[in-house]
Amino acid sequence: MKNYLIICSIIIIILTITMKKYETTDIIIPQEAIRFRVIANSNSSEDQNIKLNVKNNLTKTIDELIADSNNIDDTRKLLIQNKNVIENSVKNTLISNNFNQNFNVNYGMNYFPEKQFKGITYKAGEYESLVVTLGQGKGNNWWCVLFPPLCLLEAEENNTDEVEYQFLVKNIIDKFMEK
């Protein structure tokens, strides 16, 4: 019984120390980055679906445009030089989805509200970014980082408090239980 209490105490200490390591507000987006954001007209299912269609088509277009980019300056130039290509991609997607409202494509310093995603806080502020606003722009948005290419960090505003912790404590418990 004494060994069991010692083992449990050790595990609790390890978990406490390990969890403190993951309780962070560090930003994992590099200081020099270009963000990408598509803001839906509203939170209706139709507007959210159109936002996702715009995002999917625009991501393909942008991936092709910046495929050979090796640094942030190249990416920046390509986005600015091809703004009309980006606008046409959005326009064609909206037409094919019978979305008859206006849209805006803005490249530059844009405001991003504070966001929580996977236990990380992304601070509010003005960031270099490509922002596509559909209609009134009052719906949830999709966002990622174009440079460095971190678009695997997809996030929805309504999907913010997910935190995943993984520990290798089971093996420690198993070893002590064998004794």
N, C-alpha and C. Protein backbone atom coordinates (compact mmCIF):
# COMPACT_ATOMS: atom_id res chain seq x y z
N MET A 1 0.82 -1.19 0.00
CA MET A 1 0.00 0.00 0.00
C MET A 1 0.87 1.26 0.00
N LYS A 2 1.98 1.18 0.77
CA LYS A 2 2.88 2.31 0.85
C LYS A 2 3.48 2.61 -0.53
N ASN A 3 3.89 1.54 -1.26
CA ASN A 3 4.43 1.71 -2.61
C ASN A 3 3.41 2.35 -3.54
N TYR A 4 2.16 1.94 -3.39
CA TYR A 4 1.08 2.48 -4.22
C TYR A 4 0.92 3.98 -3.98
N LEU A 5 0.96 4.42 -2.74
CA LEU A 5 0.84 5.85 -2.42
C LEU A 5 2.03 6.64 -2.96
N ILE A 6 3.20 6.07 -2.87
CA ILE A 6 4.40 6.73 -3.41
C ILE A 6 4.27 6.89 -4.92
N ILE A 7 3.84 5.82 -5.57
CA ILE A 7 3.68 5.85 -7.03
C ILE A 7 2.65 6.91 -7.43
N CYS A 8 1.51 6.92 -6.73
CA CYS A 8 0.47 7.92 -7.03
C CYS A 8 0.99 9.34 -6.81
N SER A 9 1.75 9.56 -5.77
CA SER A 9 2.32 10.89 -5.50
C SER A 9 3.27 11.31 -6.61
N ILE A 10 4.11 10.38 -7.04
CA ILE A 10 5.05 10.68 -8.13
C ILE A 10 4.29 11.03 -9.40
N ILE A 11 3.27 10.27 -9.70
CA ILE A 11 2.48 10.53 -10.91
C ILE A 11 1.80 11.89 -10.84
N ILE A 12 1.25 12.23 -9.70
CA ILE A 12 0.60 13.53 -9.54
C ILE A 12 1.60 14.66 -9.72
N ILE A 13 2.79 14.50 -9.19
CA ILE A 13 3.84 15.53 -9.34
C ILE A 13 4.22 15.65 -10.81
N ILE A 14 4.42 14.53 -11.48
CA ILE A 14 4.78 14.55 -12.91
C ILE A 14 3.68 15.23 -13.73
N LEU A 15 2.44 14.87 -13.47
CA LEU A 15 1.32 15.48 -14.19
C LEU A 15 1.24 16.98 -13.95
N THR A 16 1.43 17.39 -12.71
CA THR A 16 1.36 18.81 -12.38
C THR A 16 2.46 19.58 -13.11
N ILE A 17 3.66 19.06 -13.07
CA ILE A 17 4.78 19.73 -13.75
C ILE A 17 4.55 19.75 -15.25
N THR A 18 4.12 18.65 -15.82
CA THR A 18 3.91 18.56 -17.25
C THR A 18 2.78 19.47 -17.70
N MET A 19 1.70 19.53 -16.95
CA MET A 19 0.57 20.38 -17.34
C MET A 19 0.94 21.85 -17.26
N LYS A 20 1.76 22.24 -16.30
CA LYS A 20 2.21 23.64 -16.22
C LYS A 20 2.99 24.01 -17.47
N LYS A 21 3.73 23.05 -18.01
CA LYS A 21 4.48 23.28 -19.24
C LYS A 21 3.54 23.64 -20.39
N TYR A 22 2.33 23.05 -20.42
CA TYR A 22 1.39 23.29 -21.50
C TYR A 22 0.48 24.47 -21.25
N GLU A 23 0.44 25.00 -20.04
CA GLU A 23 -0.35 26.18 -19.74
C GLU A 23 0.46 27.39 -20.15
N THR A 24 0.27 27.82 -21.37
CA THR A 24 1.10 28.88 -21.91
C THR A 24 0.26 29.85 -22.73
N THR A 25 0.72 31.07 -22.80
CA THR A 25 0.10 32.03 -23.70
C THR A 25 1.08 32.42 -24.79
N ASP A 26 2.15 31.64 -24.94
CA ASP A 26 3.12 31.91 -25.99
C ASP A 26 2.46 31.80 -27.35
N ILE A 27 2.80 32.70 -28.22
CA ILE A 27 2.27 32.70 -29.57
C ILE A 27 3.19 31.84 -30.43
N ILE A 28 2.61 30.88 -31.14
CA ILE A 28 3.45 30.04 -31.98
C ILE A 28 3.54 30.56 -33.40
N ILE A 29 2.79 31.59 -33.73
CA ILE A 29 2.93 32.22 -35.03
C ILE A 29 4.15 33.12 -34.96
N PRO A 30 5.09 32.96 -35.89
CA PRO A 30 6.30 33.80 -35.85
C PRO A 30 5.97 35.28 -35.95
N GLN A 31 6.87 36.10 -35.43
CA GLN A 31 6.68 37.55 -35.46
C GLN A 31 6.51 38.04 -36.90
N GLU A 32 7.34 37.53 -37.79
CA GLU A 32 7.26 37.94 -39.19
C GLU A 32 6.47 36.87 -39.95
N ALA A 33 5.19 37.13 -40.11
CA ALA A 33 4.29 36.18 -40.75
C ALA A 33 3.24 36.93 -41.55
N ILE A 34 2.62 36.20 -42.48
CA ILE A 34 1.49 36.73 -43.23
C ILE A 34 0.30 35.84 -42.93
N ARG A 35 -0.71 36.43 -42.36
CA ARG A 35 -1.92 35.67 -42.02
C ARG A 35 -2.91 35.73 -43.18
N PHE A 36 -3.87 34.82 -43.14
CA PHE A 36 -4.91 34.73 -44.16
C PHE A 36 -6.22 34.47 -43.46
N ARG A 37 -7.24 35.23 -43.84
CA ARG A 37 -8.52 35.15 -43.14
C ARG A 37 -9.67 35.32 -44.13
N VAL A 38 -10.69 34.49 -43.99
CA VAL A 38 -11.92 34.64 -44.78
C VAL A 38 -13.06 34.80 -43.77
N ILE A 39 -13.76 35.94 -43.86
CA ILE A 39 -14.83 36.26 -42.92
C ILE A 39 -16.17 36.08 -43.63
N ALA A 40 -17.04 35.29 -43.04
CA ALA A 40 -18.35 35.02 -43.62
C ALA A 40 -19.28 36.22 -43.47
N ASN A 41 -20.26 36.29 -44.36
CA ASN A 41 -21.29 37.32 -44.29
C ASN A 41 -22.04 37.25 -42.97
N SER A 42 -22.43 36.04 -42.56
CA SER A 42 -23.16 35.84 -41.31
C SER A 42 -22.87 34.43 -40.81
N ASN A 43 -23.54 34.02 -39.76
CA ASN A 43 -23.37 32.66 -39.25
C ASN A 43 -24.45 31.70 -39.75
N SER A 44 -25.23 32.12 -40.75
CA SER A 44 -26.20 31.19 -41.32
C SER A 44 -25.43 30.03 -41.97
N SER A 45 -26.06 28.88 -42.05
CA SER A 45 -25.37 27.72 -42.63
C SER A 45 -25.00 27.99 -44.08
N GLU A 46 -25.85 28.70 -44.81
CA GLU A 46 -25.55 29.02 -46.21
C GLU A 46 -24.30 29.90 -46.31
N ASP A 47 -24.24 30.96 -45.50
CA ASP A 47 -23.08 31.86 -45.53
C ASP A 47 -21.81 31.16 -45.07
N GLN A 48 -21.92 30.29 -44.09
CA GLN A 48 -20.75 29.54 -43.63
C GLN A 48 -20.26 28.57 -44.70
N ASN A 49 -21.18 27.95 -45.42
CA ASN A 49 -20.80 27.06 -46.53
C ASN A 49 -20.11 27.82 -47.65
N ILE A 50 -20.63 29.00 -47.96
CA ILE A 50 -19.99 29.83 -48.99
C ILE A 50 -18.59 30.24 -48.55
N LYS A 51 -18.46 30.59 -47.27
CA LYS A 51 -17.13 30.94 -46.74
C LYS A 51 -16.15 29.79 -46.96
N LEU A 52 -16.59 28.58 -46.67
CA LEU A 52 -15.71 27.41 -46.83
C LEU A 52 -15.39 27.16 -48.30
N ASN A 53 -16.35 27.36 -49.19
CA ASN A 53 -16.08 27.22 -50.62
C ASN A 53 -15.06 28.25 -51.09
N VAL A 54 -15.23 29.49 -50.63
CA VAL A 54 -14.27 30.55 -50.98
C VAL A 54 -12.89 30.17 -50.44
N LYS A 55 -12.85 29.74 -49.20
CA LYS A 55 -11.58 29.35 -48.58
C LYS A 55 -10.91 28.22 -49.36
N ASN A 56 -11.67 27.18 -49.71
CA ASN A 56 -11.10 26.04 -50.43
C ASN A 56 -10.54 26.44 -51.79
N ASN A 57 -11.33 27.20 -52.56
CA ASN A 57 -10.86 27.62 -53.89
C ASN A 57 -9.71 28.62 -53.80
N LEU A 58 -9.81 29.52 -52.86
CA LEU A 58 -8.76 30.53 -52.72
C LEU A 58 -7.46 29.92 -52.21
N THR A 59 -7.56 28.94 -51.35
CA THR A 59 -6.35 28.27 -50.86
C THR A 59 -5.61 27.60 -52.01
N LYS A 60 -6.35 26.96 -52.90
CA LYS A 60 -5.72 26.34 -54.09
C LYS A 60 -5.05 27.40 -54.95
N THR A 61 -5.76 28.49 -55.20
CA THR A 61 -5.22 29.58 -56.02
C THR A 61 -3.95 30.15 -55.40
N ILE A 62 -4.00 30.44 -54.11
CA ILE A 62 -2.84 31.03 -53.43
C ILE A 62 -1.68 30.04 -53.36
N ASP A 63 -1.98 28.77 -53.11
CA ASP A 63 -0.92 27.75 -53.10
C ASP A 63 -0.16 27.74 -54.41
N GLU A 64 -0.90 27.85 -55.53
CA GLU A 64 -0.24 27.88 -56.84
C GLU A 64 0.58 29.15 -57.01
N LEU A 65 0.06 30.28 -56.54
CA LEU A 65 0.75 31.56 -56.69
C LEU A 65 2.06 31.60 -55.91
N ILE A 66 2.06 31.05 -54.71
CA ILE A 66 3.25 31.19 -53.85
C ILE A 66 4.06 29.89 -53.73
N ALA A 67 3.79 28.95 -54.61
CA ALA A 67 4.45 27.64 -54.52
C ALA A 67 5.98 27.74 -54.53
N ASP A 68 6.52 28.66 -55.31
CA ASP A 68 7.97 28.78 -55.43
C ASP A 68 8.57 29.84 -54.51
N SER A 69 7.75 30.40 -53.63
CA SER A 69 8.22 31.43 -52.72
C SER A 69 9.12 30.82 -51.65
N ASN A 70 10.26 31.46 -51.42
CA ASN A 70 11.23 30.96 -50.44
C ASN A 70 11.33 31.81 -49.19
N ASN A 71 10.71 32.99 -49.23
CA ASN A 71 10.81 33.88 -48.07
C ASN A 71 9.60 34.79 -48.01
N ILE A 72 9.49 35.53 -46.95
CA ILE A 72 8.32 36.39 -46.74
C ILE A 72 8.24 37.50 -47.78
N ASP A 73 9.39 38.03 -48.22
CA ASP A 73 9.38 39.09 -49.22
C ASP A 73 8.82 38.59 -50.55
N ASP A 74 9.22 37.39 -50.96
CA ASP A 74 8.68 36.80 -52.20
C ASP A 74 7.17 36.59 -52.07
N THR A 75 6.74 36.06 -50.95
CA THR A 75 5.31 35.81 -50.73
C THR A 75 4.53 37.11 -50.77
N ARG A 76 5.05 38.12 -50.10
CA ARG A 76 4.41 39.44 -50.06
C ARG A 76 4.24 40.00 -51.48
N LYS A 77 5.33 39.97 -52.27
CA LYS A 77 5.29 40.49 -53.65
C LYS A 77 4.28 39.72 -54.50
N LEU A 78 4.29 38.40 -54.39
CA LEU A 78 3.37 37.59 -55.19
C LEU A 78 1.91 37.87 -54.84
N LEU A 79 1.62 38.05 -53.57
CA LEU A 79 0.24 38.34 -53.17
C LEU A 79 -0.20 39.72 -53.68
N ILE A 80 0.67 40.70 -53.57
CA ILE A 80 0.34 42.05 -54.03
C ILE A 80 0.20 42.08 -55.56
N GLN A 81 1.14 41.46 -56.26
CA GLN A 81 1.10 41.45 -57.73
C GLN A 81 -0.09 40.68 -58.29
N ASN A 82 -0.60 39.74 -57.54
CA ASN A 82 -1.69 38.88 -58.03
C ASN A 82 -3.01 39.13 -57.31
N LYS A 83 -3.18 40.33 -56.80
CA LYS A 83 -4.43 40.64 -56.10
C LYS A 83 -5.63 40.42 -57.02
N ASN A 84 -5.48 40.78 -58.30
CA ASN A 84 -6.60 40.59 -59.23
C ASN A 84 -6.92 39.10 -59.44
N VAL A 85 -5.92 38.24 -59.41
CA VAL A 85 -6.14 36.79 -59.53
C VAL A 85 -6.91 36.30 -58.31
N ILE A 86 -6.53 36.80 -57.16
CA ILE A 86 -7.20 36.44 -55.91
C ILE A 86 -8.66 36.91 -55.94
N GLU A 87 -8.86 38.17 -56.35
CA GLU A 87 -10.23 38.71 -56.45
C GLU A 87 -11.08 37.91 -57.43
N ASN A 88 -10.50 37.53 -58.56
CA ASN A 88 -11.24 36.74 -59.56
C ASN A 88 -11.61 35.37 -59.01
N SER A 89 -10.74 34.76 -58.23
CA SER A 89 -11.03 33.47 -57.62
C SER A 89 -12.23 33.59 -56.67
N VAL A 90 -12.24 34.65 -55.86
CA VAL A 90 -13.36 34.88 -54.95
C VAL A 90 -14.63 35.14 -55.76
N LYS A 91 -14.54 36.03 -56.74
CA LYS A 91 -15.70 36.39 -57.57
C LYS A 91 -16.30 35.15 -58.24
N ASN A 92 -15.45 34.32 -58.85
CA ASN A 92 -15.95 33.13 -59.54
C ASN A 92 -16.59 32.14 -58.58
N THR A 93 -16.04 32.00 -57.39
CA THR A 93 -16.62 31.11 -56.38
C THR A 93 -17.99 31.63 -55.95
N LEU A 94 -18.10 32.93 -55.74
CA LEU A 94 -19.38 33.51 -55.32
C LEU A 94 -20.43 33.37 -56.42
N ILE A 95 -20.03 33.60 -57.67
CA ILE A 95 -20.97 33.46 -58.78
C ILE A 95 -21.46 32.02 -58.88
N SER A 96 -20.55 31.06 -58.76
CA SER A 96 -20.95 29.65 -58.88
C SER A 96 -21.82 29.20 -57.70
N ASN A 97 -21.80 29.96 -56.59
CA ASN A 97 -22.63 29.64 -55.43
C ASN A 97 -23.84 30.57 -55.32
N ASN A 98 -24.11 31.35 -56.38
CA ASN A 98 -25.25 32.28 -56.40
C ASN A 98 -25.26 33.22 -55.20
N PHE A 99 -24.08 33.67 -54.82
CA PHE A 99 -23.95 34.62 -53.73
C PHE A 99 -23.87 36.00 -54.36
N ASN A 100 -24.93 36.80 -54.17
CA ASN A 100 -25.04 38.08 -54.88
C ASN A 100 -24.62 39.28 -54.06
N GLN A 101 -23.87 39.07 -53.00
CA GLN A 101 -23.43 40.21 -52.20
C GLN A 101 -21.99 40.58 -52.55
N ASN A 102 -21.61 41.75 -52.10
CA ASN A 102 -20.27 42.23 -52.38
C ASN A 102 -19.23 41.48 -51.55
N PHE A 103 -17.97 41.70 -51.87
CA PHE A 103 -16.86 41.15 -51.10
C PHE A 103 -15.71 42.13 -51.18
N ASN A 104 -14.78 41.97 -50.27
CA ASN A 104 -13.60 42.83 -50.25
C ASN A 104 -12.36 41.98 -50.01
N VAL A 105 -11.33 42.22 -50.80
CA VAL A 105 -10.04 41.57 -50.60
C VAL A 105 -9.07 42.66 -50.18
N ASN A 106 -8.48 42.51 -49.01
CA ASN A 106 -7.57 43.52 -48.49
C ASN A 106 -6.25 42.86 -48.09
N TYR A 107 -5.17 43.37 -48.65
CA TYR A 107 -3.85 42.92 -48.24
C TYR A 107 -3.17 44.08 -47.53
N GLY A 108 -2.67 43.84 -46.34
CA GLY A 108 -1.99 44.88 -45.58
C GLY A 108 -2.08 44.58 -44.10
N MET A 109 -2.07 45.62 -43.31
CA MET A 109 -2.20 45.47 -41.87
C MET A 109 -3.68 45.45 -41.54
N ASN A 110 -4.13 44.35 -40.96
CA ASN A 110 -5.54 44.16 -40.63
C ASN A 110 -5.67 43.74 -39.18
N TYR A 111 -6.79 44.15 -38.57
CA TYR A 111 -7.03 43.81 -37.17
C TYR A 111 -7.51 42.36 -37.04
N PHE A 112 -6.92 41.65 -36.09
CA PHE A 112 -7.35 40.31 -35.72
C PHE A 112 -7.70 40.33 -34.24
N PRO A 113 -8.91 39.85 -33.88
CA PRO A 113 -9.26 39.79 -32.46
C PRO A 113 -8.47 38.69 -31.77
N GLU A 114 -8.42 38.73 -30.44
CA GLU A 114 -7.75 37.67 -29.69
C GLU A 114 -8.46 36.35 -29.95
N LYS A 115 -7.69 35.30 -30.08
CA LYS A 115 -8.26 33.97 -30.33
C LYS A 115 -7.59 32.96 -29.41
N GLN A 116 -8.35 31.96 -29.03
CA GLN A 116 -7.84 30.81 -28.29
C GLN A 116 -7.97 29.61 -29.21
N PHE A 117 -6.89 28.87 -29.39
CA PHE A 117 -6.95 27.66 -30.20
C PHE A 117 -5.93 26.66 -29.69
N LYS A 118 -6.41 25.47 -29.37
CA LYS A 118 -5.57 24.38 -28.89
C LYS A 118 -4.68 24.83 -27.73
N GLY A 119 -5.25 25.62 -26.82
CA GLY A 119 -4.53 26.02 -25.62
C GLY A 119 -3.57 27.18 -25.82
N ILE A 120 -3.55 27.76 -27.00
CA ILE A 120 -2.66 28.87 -27.29
C ILE A 120 -3.49 30.13 -27.45
N THR A 121 -3.02 31.24 -26.89
CA THR A 121 -3.67 32.53 -27.06
C THR A 121 -2.96 33.29 -28.16
N TYR A 122 -3.72 33.69 -29.15
CA TYR A 122 -3.20 34.54 -30.21
C TYR A 122 -3.70 35.95 -29.91
N LYS A 123 -2.79 36.85 -29.60
CA LYS A 123 -3.14 38.18 -29.13
C LYS A 123 -3.80 39.01 -30.23
N ALA A 124 -4.72 39.86 -29.82
CA ALA A 124 -5.37 40.78 -30.74
C ALA A 124 -4.35 41.80 -31.22
N GLY A 125 -4.56 42.29 -32.43
CA GLY A 125 -3.67 43.32 -32.94
C GLY A 125 -3.74 43.44 -34.44
N GLU A 126 -2.94 44.35 -34.94
CA GLU A 126 -2.82 44.57 -36.38
C GLU A 126 -1.71 43.66 -36.91
N TYR A 127 -2.06 42.85 -37.92
CA TYR A 127 -1.10 41.91 -38.48
C TYR A 127 -1.11 42.00 -40.00
N GLU A 128 0.06 41.79 -40.59
CA GLU A 128 0.14 41.72 -42.04
C GLU A 128 -0.67 40.52 -42.48
N SER A 129 -1.60 40.76 -43.40
CA SER A 129 -2.52 39.68 -43.74
C SER A 129 -3.28 39.94 -45.03
N LEU A 130 -3.80 38.84 -45.55
CA LEU A 130 -4.75 38.87 -46.65
C LEU A 130 -6.10 38.53 -46.04
N VAL A 131 -7.03 39.48 -46.10
CA VAL A 131 -8.35 39.29 -45.51
C VAL A 131 -9.42 39.42 -46.58
N VAL A 132 -10.25 38.39 -46.68
CA VAL A 132 -11.38 38.39 -47.60
C VAL A 132 -12.64 38.50 -46.75
N THR A 133 -13.40 39.56 -46.97
CA THR A 133 -14.65 39.77 -46.24
C THR A 133 -15.81 39.58 -47.20
N LEU A 134 -16.69 38.67 -46.85
CA LEU A 134 -17.85 38.37 -47.69
C LEU A 134 -19.07 39.11 -47.15
N GLY A 135 -19.76 39.84 -48.03
CA GLY A 135 -20.96 40.58 -47.63
C GLY A 135 -20.68 41.52 -46.48
N GLN A 136 -21.47 41.40 -45.41
CA GLN A 136 -21.32 42.29 -44.26
C GLN A 136 -20.17 41.88 -43.33
N GLY A 137 -19.63 40.69 -43.51
CA GLY A 137 -18.50 40.25 -42.68
C GLY A 137 -18.85 40.12 -41.21
N LYS A 138 -20.06 39.65 -40.90
CA LYS A 138 -20.49 39.54 -39.51
C LYS A 138 -20.50 38.10 -39.01
N GLY A 139 -19.99 37.17 -39.81
CA GLY A 139 -20.00 35.76 -39.41
C GLY A 139 -18.65 35.30 -38.89
N ASN A 140 -18.63 34.07 -38.43
CA ASN A 140 -17.38 33.45 -38.00
C ASN A 140 -16.42 33.37 -39.17
N ASN A 141 -15.15 33.33 -38.85
CA ASN A 141 -14.16 33.34 -39.91
C ASN A 141 -13.29 32.10 -39.86
N TRP A 142 -12.59 31.87 -40.94
CA TRP A 142 -11.57 30.83 -41.04
C TRP A 142 -10.26 31.58 -41.18
N TRP A 143 -9.20 31.06 -40.55
CA TRP A 143 -7.91 31.75 -40.64
C TRP A 143 -6.77 30.75 -40.60
N CYS A 144 -5.64 31.18 -41.11
CA CYS A 144 -4.41 30.40 -41.03
C CYS A 144 -3.24 31.34 -41.28
N VAL A 145 -2.06 30.78 -41.40
CA VAL A 145 -0.85 31.57 -41.68
C VAL A 145 -0.32 31.14 -43.04
N LEU A 146 -0.22 32.11 -43.96
CA LEU A 146 0.29 31.83 -45.31
C LEU A 146 1.80 31.71 -45.33
N PHE A 147 2.45 32.58 -44.58
CA PHE A 147 3.91 32.49 -44.51
C PHE A 147 4.35 32.74 -43.08
N PRO A 148 5.17 31.86 -42.52
CA PRO A 148 5.52 30.56 -43.10
C PRO A 148 4.27 29.72 -43.29
N PRO A 149 4.30 28.76 -44.20
CA PRO A 149 3.09 28.02 -44.53
C PRO A 149 2.59 27.14 -43.38
N LEU A 150 1.73 27.72 -42.56
CA LEU A 150 1.18 27.02 -41.40
C LEU A 150 -0.33 26.86 -41.51
N CYS A 151 -0.84 26.78 -42.71
CA CYS A 151 -2.29 26.71 -42.87
C CYS A 151 -2.88 25.42 -42.32
N LEU A 152 -2.05 24.53 -41.82
CA LEU A 152 -2.57 23.36 -41.14
C LEU A 152 -3.13 23.75 -39.77
N LEU A 153 -2.88 25.00 -39.37
CA LEU A 153 -3.39 25.51 -38.10
C LEU A 153 -4.80 26.05 -38.23
N GLU A 154 -5.59 25.49 -39.13
CA GLU A 154 -6.92 26.01 -39.37
C GLU A 154 -7.68 26.18 -38.07
N ALA A 155 -8.44 27.26 -38.01
CA ALA A 155 -9.23 27.51 -36.81
C ALA A 155 -10.54 28.18 -37.17
N GLU A 156 -11.56 27.85 -36.45
CA GLU A 156 -12.85 28.51 -36.54
C GLU A 156 -13.05 29.24 -35.23
N GLU A 157 -13.64 30.42 -35.27
CA GLU A 157 -13.88 31.15 -34.03
C GLU A 157 -14.75 30.37 -33.07
N ASN A 158 -15.66 29.54 -33.58
CA ASN A 158 -16.55 28.81 -32.70
C ASN A 158 -15.96 27.50 -32.25
N ASN A 159 -14.69 27.29 -32.48
CA ASN A 159 -14.02 26.03 -32.15
C ASN A 159 -12.74 26.39 -31.41
N THR A 160 -12.88 26.99 -30.21
CA THR A 160 -11.73 27.67 -29.64
C THR A 160 -11.11 27.05 -28.40
N ASP A 161 -11.80 26.23 -27.68
CA ASP A 161 -11.27 25.80 -26.40
C ASP A 161 -10.76 24.37 -26.38
N GLU A 162 -10.45 23.83 -27.53
CA GLU A 162 -9.94 22.47 -27.57
C GLU A 162 -8.49 22.44 -27.10
N VAL A 163 -8.20 21.61 -26.13
CA VAL A 163 -6.84 21.42 -25.67
C VAL A 163 -6.61 19.93 -25.56
N GLU A 164 -5.55 19.47 -26.16
CA GLU A 164 -5.24 18.05 -26.10
C GLU A 164 -3.93 17.86 -25.35
N TYR A 165 -3.97 17.02 -24.32
CA TYR A 165 -2.77 16.69 -23.57
C TYR A 165 -2.50 15.21 -23.74
N GLN A 166 -1.26 14.87 -23.95
CA GLN A 166 -0.89 13.47 -24.05
C GLN A 166 0.29 13.23 -23.12
N PHE A 167 0.20 12.17 -22.32
CA PHE A 167 1.24 11.85 -21.37
C PHE A 167 1.65 10.40 -21.53
N LEU A 168 2.86 10.11 -21.15
CA LEU A 168 3.37 8.75 -21.22
C LEU A 168 3.46 8.16 -19.82
N VAL A 169 2.45 8.43 -19.00
CA VAL A 169 2.45 7.99 -17.61
C VAL A 169 2.01 6.53 -17.50
N LYS A 170 1.21 6.06 -18.44
CA LYS A 170 0.68 4.70 -18.37
C LYS A 170 1.82 3.68 -18.24
N ASN A 171 2.89 3.85 -19.00
CA ASN A 171 4.02 2.92 -18.92
C ASN A 171 4.67 2.94 -17.54
N ILE A 172 4.76 4.11 -16.93
CA ILE A 172 5.34 4.21 -15.59
C ILE A 172 4.46 3.46 -14.59
N ILE A 173 3.15 3.67 -14.68
CA ILE A 173 2.22 2.98 -13.78
C ILE A 173 2.33 1.48 -13.97
N ASP A 174 2.34 1.04 -15.21
CA ASP A 174 2.43 -0.40 -15.51
C ASP A 174 3.69 -1.02 -14.93
N LYS A 175 4.82 -0.33 -15.04
CA LYS A 175 6.09 -0.87 -14.52
C LYS A 175 6.04 -1.03 -13.01
N PHE A 176 5.48 0.01 -12.33
CA PHE A 176 5.42 -0.08 -10.87
C PHE A 176 4.41 -1.13 -10.40
N MET A 177 3.35 -1.31 -11.14
CA MET A 177 2.33 -2.29 -10.76
C MET A 177 2.85 -3.72 -10.91
N GLU A 178 3.81 -3.93 -11.81
CA GLU A 178 4.39 -5.27 -12.00
C GLU A 178 5.18 -5.70 -10.80
N LYS A 179 5.74 -4.75 -10.05
CA LYS A 179 6.61 -5.08 -8.91
C LYS A 179 5.87 -5.54 -7.72
